[in-house]
């Protein structure tokens, strides 16, 4: 599992490759089959789900959309309340 650190300035740092990455690069890592874990550098808060949602949002803005049935499945399955 690849650990990505998110800094307060929103920069993302890939600890395995030792360099900063973009959301597009993280999407490519995921598509390549690697699991990721995104942690806030200072607090240790798990930001993985939020980062993945942000990737989907950014790709939607660029015209790449998920089919409505897939979006419906995500909504119906619900988000864990925590």
N, C-alpha and C. Protein backbone atom coordinates (compact mmCIF):
# COMPACT_ATOMS: atom_id res chain seq x y z
N UNK A 1 0.85 -1.17 0.00
CA UNK A 1 0.00 0.00 0.00
C UNK A 1 0.89 1.24 0.00
N UNK A 2 0.55 2.16 -0.85
CA UNK A 2 1.31 3.39 -1.01
C UNK A 2 0.73 4.47 -0.10
N UNK A 3 1.58 5.11 0.67
CA UNK A 3 1.13 6.18 1.56
C UNK A 3 1.40 7.52 0.91
N UNK A 4 0.35 8.34 0.88
CA UNK A 4 0.43 9.70 0.37
C UNK A 4 0.18 10.62 1.56
N UNK A 5 1.06 11.59 1.74
CA UNK A 5 0.88 12.57 2.81
C UNK A 5 0.30 13.84 2.21
N UNK A 6 -0.72 14.36 2.87
CA UNK A 6 -1.29 15.63 2.43
C UNK A 6 -0.87 16.69 3.44
N UNK A 7 -0.31 17.75 2.92
CA UNK A 7 0.14 18.85 3.76
C UNK A 7 -0.95 19.90 3.88
N UNK A 8 -0.83 20.79 4.82
CA UNK A 8 -1.82 21.84 5.05
C UNK A 8 -2.03 22.72 3.84
N UNK A 9 -1.00 22.86 3.00
CA UNK A 9 -1.11 23.67 1.80
C UNK A 9 -1.71 22.88 0.63
N UNK A 10 -2.26 21.69 0.91
CA UNK A 10 -2.93 20.80 -0.04
C UNK A 10 -1.99 20.02 -0.94
N UNK A 11 -0.69 20.19 -0.78
CA UNK A 11 0.24 19.41 -1.58
C UNK A 11 0.20 17.95 -1.14
N UNK A 12 0.39 17.07 -2.09
CA UNK A 12 0.35 15.64 -1.85
C UNK A 12 1.73 15.06 -2.11
N UNK A 13 2.23 14.23 -1.17
CA UNK A 13 3.58 13.71 -1.25
C UNK A 13 3.55 12.19 -1.21
N UNK A 14 4.07 11.57 -2.25
CA UNK A 14 4.14 10.11 -2.34
C UNK A 14 5.39 9.65 -1.58
N UNK A 15 5.18 8.97 -0.46
CA UNK A 15 6.32 8.57 0.37
C UNK A 15 7.13 7.44 -0.26
N UNK A 16 6.52 6.66 -1.13
CA UNK A 16 7.24 5.55 -1.79
C UNK A 16 8.20 6.08 -2.85
N UNK A 17 7.75 7.03 -3.63
CA UNK A 17 8.57 7.59 -4.70
C UNK A 17 9.34 8.85 -4.28
N UNK A 18 9.05 9.36 -3.10
CA UNK A 18 9.73 10.54 -2.53
C UNK A 18 9.62 11.77 -3.43
N UNK A 19 8.37 12.07 -3.84
CA UNK A 19 8.14 13.31 -4.57
C UNK A 19 6.67 13.70 -4.48
N UNK A 20 6.41 14.98 -4.80
CA UNK A 20 5.04 15.47 -4.78
C UNK A 20 4.29 14.93 -5.98
N UNK A 21 2.99 14.70 -5.79
CA UNK A 21 2.16 14.17 -6.86
C UNK A 21 0.88 15.01 -6.99
N UNK A 22 0.25 14.89 -8.14
CA UNK A 22 -1.01 15.56 -8.40
C UNK A 22 -2.15 14.56 -8.22
N UNK A 23 -3.37 15.07 -8.22
CA UNK A 23 -4.53 14.18 -8.17
C UNK A 23 -4.54 13.26 -9.38
N UNK A 24 -4.17 13.78 -10.54
CA UNK A 24 -4.14 12.96 -11.76
C UNK A 24 -3.13 11.81 -11.61
N UNK A 25 -2.01 12.09 -11.00
CA UNK A 25 -1.01 11.04 -10.78
C UNK A 25 -1.51 10.00 -9.78
N UNK A 26 -2.22 10.45 -8.76
CA UNK A 26 -2.80 9.50 -7.80
C UNK A 26 -3.84 8.63 -8.50
N UNK A 27 -4.65 9.23 -9.37
CA UNK A 27 -5.63 8.45 -10.14
C UNK A 27 -4.92 7.38 -10.97
N UNK A 28 -3.81 7.75 -11.59
CA UNK A 28 -3.05 6.79 -12.39
C UNK A 28 -2.49 5.66 -11.53
N UNK A 29 -2.05 5.98 -10.32
CA UNK A 29 -1.54 4.97 -9.39
C UNK A 29 -2.65 3.98 -9.06
N UNK A 30 -3.83 4.50 -8.78
CA UNK A 30 -4.97 3.64 -8.45
C UNK A 30 -5.35 2.77 -9.65
N UNK A 31 -5.39 3.39 -10.85
CA UNK A 31 -5.74 2.63 -12.06
C UNK A 31 -4.71 1.55 -12.37
N UNK A 32 -3.48 1.77 -11.95
CA UNK A 32 -2.42 0.77 -12.15
C UNK A 32 -2.56 -0.40 -11.18
N UNK A 33 -3.49 -0.27 -10.23
CA UNK A 33 -3.75 -1.38 -9.31
C UNK A 33 -3.17 -1.23 -7.93
N UNK A 34 -2.48 -0.13 -7.67
CA UNK A 34 -1.91 0.09 -6.34
C UNK A 34 -2.98 0.62 -5.38
N UNK A 35 -2.92 0.18 -4.16
CA UNK A 35 -3.77 0.73 -3.11
C UNK A 35 -3.06 1.95 -2.54
N UNK A 36 -3.86 2.93 -2.13
CA UNK A 36 -3.27 4.12 -1.52
C UNK A 36 -3.90 4.38 -0.17
N UNK A 37 -3.19 5.12 0.63
CA UNK A 37 -3.66 5.57 1.93
C UNK A 37 -3.20 7.01 2.05
N UNK A 38 -4.14 7.94 2.11
CA UNK A 38 -3.80 9.36 2.18
C UNK A 38 -3.99 9.83 3.63
N UNK A 39 -2.92 10.35 4.20
CA UNK A 39 -2.95 10.82 5.58
C UNK A 39 -2.56 12.29 5.64
N UNK A 40 -3.24 13.03 6.52
CA UNK A 40 -2.85 14.43 6.75
C UNK A 40 -1.53 14.40 7.50
N UNK A 41 -0.57 15.14 7.02
CA UNK A 41 0.79 15.13 7.59
C UNK A 41 0.81 15.47 9.07
N UNK A 42 0.06 16.49 9.48
CA UNK A 42 0.13 16.95 10.87
C UNK A 42 -0.74 16.15 11.82
N UNK A 43 -1.97 15.86 11.40
CA UNK A 43 -2.93 15.25 12.32
C UNK A 43 -3.01 13.73 12.20
N UNK A 44 -2.55 13.19 11.08
CA UNK A 44 -2.66 11.75 10.86
C UNK A 44 -4.04 11.32 10.41
N UNK A 45 -4.94 12.30 10.19
CA UNK A 45 -6.31 12.00 9.76
C UNK A 45 -6.29 11.27 8.41
N UNK A 46 -7.14 10.24 8.29
CA UNK A 46 -7.25 9.48 7.05
C UNK A 46 -8.08 10.29 6.05
N UNK A 47 -7.46 10.68 4.96
CA UNK A 47 -8.11 11.48 3.93
C UNK A 47 -8.29 10.71 2.62
N UNK A 48 -8.18 9.38 2.69
CA UNK A 48 -8.24 8.56 1.48
C UNK A 48 -9.56 8.73 0.75
N UNK A 49 -10.68 8.56 1.44
CA UNK A 49 -11.99 8.65 0.79
C UNK A 49 -12.23 10.04 0.22
N UNK A 50 -11.86 11.07 0.97
CA UNK A 50 -12.04 12.44 0.49
C UNK A 50 -11.19 12.71 -0.74
N UNK A 51 -9.99 12.16 -0.78
CA UNK A 51 -9.11 12.35 -1.93
C UNK A 51 -9.66 11.64 -3.16
N UNK A 52 -10.18 10.43 -2.96
CA UNK A 52 -10.78 9.70 -4.08
C UNK A 52 -12.02 10.42 -4.61
N UNK A 53 -12.83 10.97 -3.71
CA UNK A 53 -14.00 11.74 -4.13
C UNK A 53 -13.57 12.98 -4.91
N UNK A 54 -12.49 13.60 -4.47
CA UNK A 54 -11.97 14.79 -5.16
C UNK A 54 -11.49 14.42 -6.56
N UNK A 55 -10.86 13.25 -6.70
CA UNK A 55 -10.41 12.80 -8.03
C UNK A 55 -11.62 12.63 -8.95
N UNK A 56 -12.68 12.00 -8.45
CA UNK A 56 -13.89 11.81 -9.25
C UNK A 56 -14.46 13.17 -9.65
N UNK A 57 -14.53 14.10 -8.71
CA UNK A 57 -15.07 15.43 -8.98
C UNK A 57 -14.25 16.14 -10.05
N UNK A 58 -12.93 16.11 -9.93
CA UNK A 58 -12.06 16.79 -10.89
C UNK A 58 -12.18 16.17 -12.28
N UNK A 59 -12.27 14.85 -12.34
CA UNK A 59 -12.40 14.20 -13.64
C UNK A 59 -13.76 14.49 -14.27
N UNK A 60 -14.78 14.64 -13.45
CA UNK A 60 -16.11 15.00 -13.96
C UNK A 60 -16.07 16.39 -14.57
N UNK A 61 -15.37 17.32 -13.93
CA UNK A 61 -15.24 18.67 -14.46
C UNK A 61 -14.54 18.66 -15.82
N UNK A 62 -13.68 17.67 -16.05
CA UNK A 62 -12.94 17.58 -17.31
C UNK A 62 -13.70 16.77 -18.36
N UNK A 63 -14.94 16.38 -18.03
CA UNK A 63 -15.76 15.68 -19.00
C UNK A 63 -15.77 14.17 -18.87
N UNK A 64 -14.99 13.63 -17.96
CA UNK A 64 -14.98 12.19 -17.74
C UNK A 64 -15.98 11.89 -16.64
N UNK A 65 -17.07 11.24 -16.98
CA UNK A 65 -18.11 11.02 -15.98
C UNK A 65 -18.35 9.54 -15.74
N UNK A 66 -18.82 9.26 -14.55
CA UNK A 66 -19.26 7.91 -14.22
C UNK A 66 -20.68 7.75 -14.74
N UNK A 67 -21.02 6.54 -15.17
CA UNK A 67 -22.40 6.32 -15.58
C UNK A 67 -23.35 6.53 -14.40
N UNK A 68 -24.53 7.05 -14.69
CA UNK A 68 -25.52 7.33 -13.64
C UNK A 68 -25.80 6.10 -12.78
N UNK A 69 -25.93 4.89 -13.35
CA UNK A 69 -26.17 3.72 -12.50
C UNK A 69 -25.06 3.48 -11.47
N UNK A 70 -23.82 3.77 -11.84
CA UNK A 70 -22.70 3.60 -10.90
C UNK A 70 -22.76 4.65 -9.79
N UNK A 71 -23.08 5.89 -10.16
CA UNK A 71 -23.24 6.93 -9.14
C UNK A 71 -24.38 6.58 -8.20
N UNK A 72 -25.45 6.05 -8.75
CA UNK A 72 -26.60 5.64 -7.93
C UNK A 72 -26.19 4.57 -6.93
N UNK A 73 -25.40 3.59 -7.37
CA UNK A 73 -24.92 2.52 -6.48
C UNK A 73 -24.13 3.10 -5.32
N UNK A 74 -23.29 4.08 -5.61
CA UNK A 74 -22.48 4.70 -4.56
C UNK A 74 -23.39 5.39 -3.54
N UNK A 75 -24.38 6.11 -4.03
CA UNK A 75 -25.28 6.83 -3.13
C UNK A 75 -26.15 5.87 -2.34
N UNK A 76 -26.69 4.85 -3.00
CA UNK A 76 -27.56 3.88 -2.33
C UNK A 76 -26.80 3.11 -1.25
N UNK A 77 -25.55 2.76 -1.54
CA UNK A 77 -24.78 2.01 -0.55
C UNK A 77 -24.50 2.84 0.69
N UNK A 78 -24.57 4.15 0.53
CA UNK A 78 -24.43 5.05 1.68
C UNK A 78 -23.00 5.26 2.11
N UNK A 79 -22.82 6.34 2.78
CA UNK A 79 -21.53 6.66 3.36
C UNK A 79 -21.59 6.31 4.83
N UNK A 80 -20.53 5.72 5.35
CA UNK A 80 -20.54 5.38 6.78
C UNK A 80 -20.64 6.64 7.64
N UNK A 81 -21.44 6.57 8.63
CA UNK A 81 -21.56 7.70 9.56
C UNK A 81 -20.55 7.48 10.67
N UNK A 82 -19.74 8.46 10.88
CA UNK A 82 -18.71 8.23 11.85
C UNK A 82 -18.31 9.45 12.52
